[in-house]
Amino acid sequence: MTDRDLRSRAHDLDVTVWVGKGGIGAVVDELDDQLRDRDLVKVKFHRAARGGTDVEELASDLADRVNAEVVDTRGHTGVLHR
């Protein structure tokens, strides 16, 4: 499946993981579990989690921790795929 196909499928997904002031470390296990159940997960990065870091960098770091890839980032949201 191409990245374009994955982005298309991700469009209608609901956010199921929220990254807050606890940072990405607080959601690694939950995201890993969700990626086992489905191949696409949408993640929202709240302002408290972002600090001075951009969403692309946070999404990439989170993807590395769960052995996934970033399919897309828009605004404060990222989509990860495994």
C-alpha atoms as a PDB file:
ATOM      1  CA  MET A   1       0.000   0.000   0.000  1.00  0.00           C
ATOM      2  CA  THR A   2       1.393   3.426  -0.916  1.00  0.00           C
ATOM      3  CA  ASP A   3       1.700   6.419   1.397  1.00  0.00           C
ATOM      4  CA  ARG A   4      -0.980   8.114  -0.668  1.00  0.00           C
ATOM      5  CA  ASP A   5      -3.376   5.208  -0.024  1.00  0.00           C
ATOM      6  CA  LEU A   6      -2.573   5.312   3.686  1.00  0.00           C
ATOM      7  CA  ARG A   7      -3.113   9.087   3.873  1.00  0.00           C
ATOM      8  CA  SER A   8      -6.433   8.658   2.104  1.00  0.00           C
ATOM      9  CA  ARG A   9      -7.537   5.994   4.603  1.00  0.00           C
ATOM     10  CA  ALA A  10      -6.309   8.104   7.519  1.00  0.00           C
ATOM     11  CA  HIS A  11      -8.446  11.074   6.519  1.00  0.00           C
ATOM     12  CA  ASP A  12     -11.582   9.684   8.177  1.00  0.00           C
ATOM     13  CA  LEU A  13      -9.844   8.194  11.234  1.00  0.00           C
ATOM     14  CA  ASP A  14     -10.610   9.543  14.683  1.00  0.00           C
ATOM     15  CA  VAL A  15      -7.778  10.519  17.012  1.00  0.00           C
ATOM     16  CA  THR A  16      -7.246   7.647  19.454  1.00  0.00           C
ATOM     17  CA  VAL A  17      -3.978   8.714  21.137  1.00  0.00           C
ATOM     18  CA  TRP A  18      -3.472  12.112  22.777  1.00  0.00           C
ATOM     19  CA  VAL A  19      -0.007  13.302  23.789  1.00  0.00           C
ATOM     20  CA  GLY A  20      -0.177  15.810  26.633  1.00  0.00           C
ATOM     21  CA  LYS A  21       2.124  17.239  29.267  1.00  0.00           C
ATOM     22  CA  GLY A  22       3.424  13.731  30.066  1.00  0.00           C
ATOM     23  CA  GLY A  23       5.111  13.743  26.653  1.00  0.00           C
ATOM     24  CA  ILE A  24       5.471  10.929  24.165  1.00  0.00           C
ATOM     25  CA  GLY A  25       6.948   8.531  26.701  1.00  0.00           C
ATOM     26  CA  ALA A  26       3.577   8.383  28.442  1.00  0.00           C
ATOM     27  CA  VAL A  27       1.779   7.018  25.352  1.00  0.00           C
ATOM     28  CA  VAL A  28       4.313   4.581  23.881  1.00  0.00           C
ATOM     29  CA  ASP A  29       2.701   1.436  25.331  1.00  0.00           C
ATOM     30  CA  GLU A  30      -0.831   2.506  24.383  1.00  0.00           C
ATOM     31  CA  LEU A  31       0.213   3.388  20.833  1.00  0.00           C
ATOM     32  CA  ASP A  32       2.093   0.100  20.494  1.00  0.00           C
ATOM     33  CA  ASP A  33      -1.049  -1.797  21.561  1.00  0.00           C
ATOM     34  CA  GLN A  34      -3.221   0.121  19.112  1.00  0.00           C
ATOM     35  CA  LEU A  35      -0.812  -0.471  16.233  1.00  0.00           C
ATOM     36  CA  ARG A  36      -1.024  -4.206  16.926  1.00  0.00           C
ATOM     37  CA  ASP A  37      -4.819  -4.045  16.523  1.00  0.00           C
ATOM     38  CA  ARG A  38      -4.906  -1.766  13.467  1.00  0.00           C
ATOM     39  CA  ASP A  39      -2.361  -0.574  10.959  1.00  0.00           C
ATOM     40  CA  LEU A  40      -3.116   3.170  11.178  1.00  0.00           C
ATOM     41  CA  VAL A  41      -3.368   5.302  14.316  1.00  0.00           C
ATOM     42  CA  LYS A  42      -4.021   9.039  14.493  1.00  0.00           C
ATOM     43  CA  VAL A  43      -2.185  10.908  17.274  1.00  0.00           C
ATOM     44  CA  LYS A  44      -2.919  14.441  18.550  1.00  0.00           C
ATOM     45  CA  PHE A  45      -0.077  16.453  20.091  1.00  0.00           C
ATOM     46  CA  HIS A  46      -1.414  19.006  22.583  1.00  0.00           C
ATOM     47  CA  ARG A  47       0.402  22.284  23.165  1.00  0.00           C
ATOM     48  CA  ALA A  48       1.835  21.084  26.509  1.00  0.00           C
ATOM     49  CA  ALA A  49       3.552  18.173  24.721  1.00  0.00           C
ATOM     50  CA  ARG A  50       4.940  20.257  21.885  1.00  0.00           C
ATOM     51  CA  GLY A  51       6.828  22.897  23.853  1.00  0.00           C
ATOM     52  CA  GLY A  52       9.296  24.240  21.306  1.00  0.00           C
ATOM     53  CA  THR A  53       9.285  21.065  19.210  1.00  0.00           C
ATOM     54  CA  ASP A  54       7.349  20.736  15.969  1.00  0.00           C
ATOM     55  CA  VAL A  55       4.800  17.995  15.358  1.00  0.00           C
ATOM     56  CA  GLU A  56       6.880  16.351  12.619  1.00  0.00           C
ATOM     57  CA  GLU A  57       9.797  15.844  15.002  1.00  0.00           C
ATOM     58  CA  LEU A  58       7.576  14.528  17.815  1.00  0.00           C
ATOM     59  CA  ALA A  59       5.740  12.162  15.463  1.00  0.00           C
ATOM     60  CA  SER A  60       9.047  10.856  14.105  1.00  0.00           C
ATOM     61  CA  ASP A  61      10.426  10.265  17.607  1.00  0.00           C
ATOM     62  CA  LEU A  62       7.233   8.488  18.653  1.00  0.00           C
ATOM     63  CA  ALA A  63       7.264   6.345  15.495  1.00  0.00           C
ATOM     64  CA  ASP A  64      10.863   5.299  16.204  1.00  0.00           C
ATOM     65  CA  ARG A  65       9.883   4.165  19.709  1.00  0.00           C
ATOM     66  CA  VAL A  66       7.111   1.864  18.427  1.00  0.00           C
ATOM     67  CA  ASN A  67       8.825   0.688  15.244  1.00  0.00           C
ATOM     68  CA  ALA A  68       6.357   2.468  12.971  1.00  0.00           C
ATOM     69  CA  GLU A  69       6.492   5.091  10.258  1.00  0.00           C
ATOM     70  CA  VAL A  70       4.929   8.524  10.017  1.00  0.00           C
ATOM     71  CA  VAL A  71       2.425   8.556   7.154  1.00  0.00           C
ATOM     72  CA  ASP A  72       1.334  12.171   7.496  1.00  0.00           C
ATOM     73  CA  THR A  73       1.328  15.188   9.814  1.00  0.00           C
ATOM     74  CA  ARG A  74      -1.137  18.052   9.610  1.00  0.00           C
ATOM     75  CA  GLY A  75      -1.528  20.776  12.158  1.00  0.00           C
ATOM     76  CA  HIS A  76      -1.133  19.176  15.573  1.00  0.00           C
ATOM     77  CA  THR A  77      -1.942  15.645  14.383  1.00  0.00           C
ATOM     78  CA  GLY A  78       0.164  12.792  13.064  1.00  0.00           C
ATOM     79  CA  VAL A  79      -0.738   9.447  11.518  1.00  0.00           C
ATOM     80  CA  LEU A  80       1.456   6.422  12.222  1.00  0.00           C
ATOM     81  CA  HIS A  81       1.534   3.120  10.369  1.00  0.00           C
ATOM     82  CA  ARG A  82       3.033  -0.267  11.069  1.00  0.00           C
END
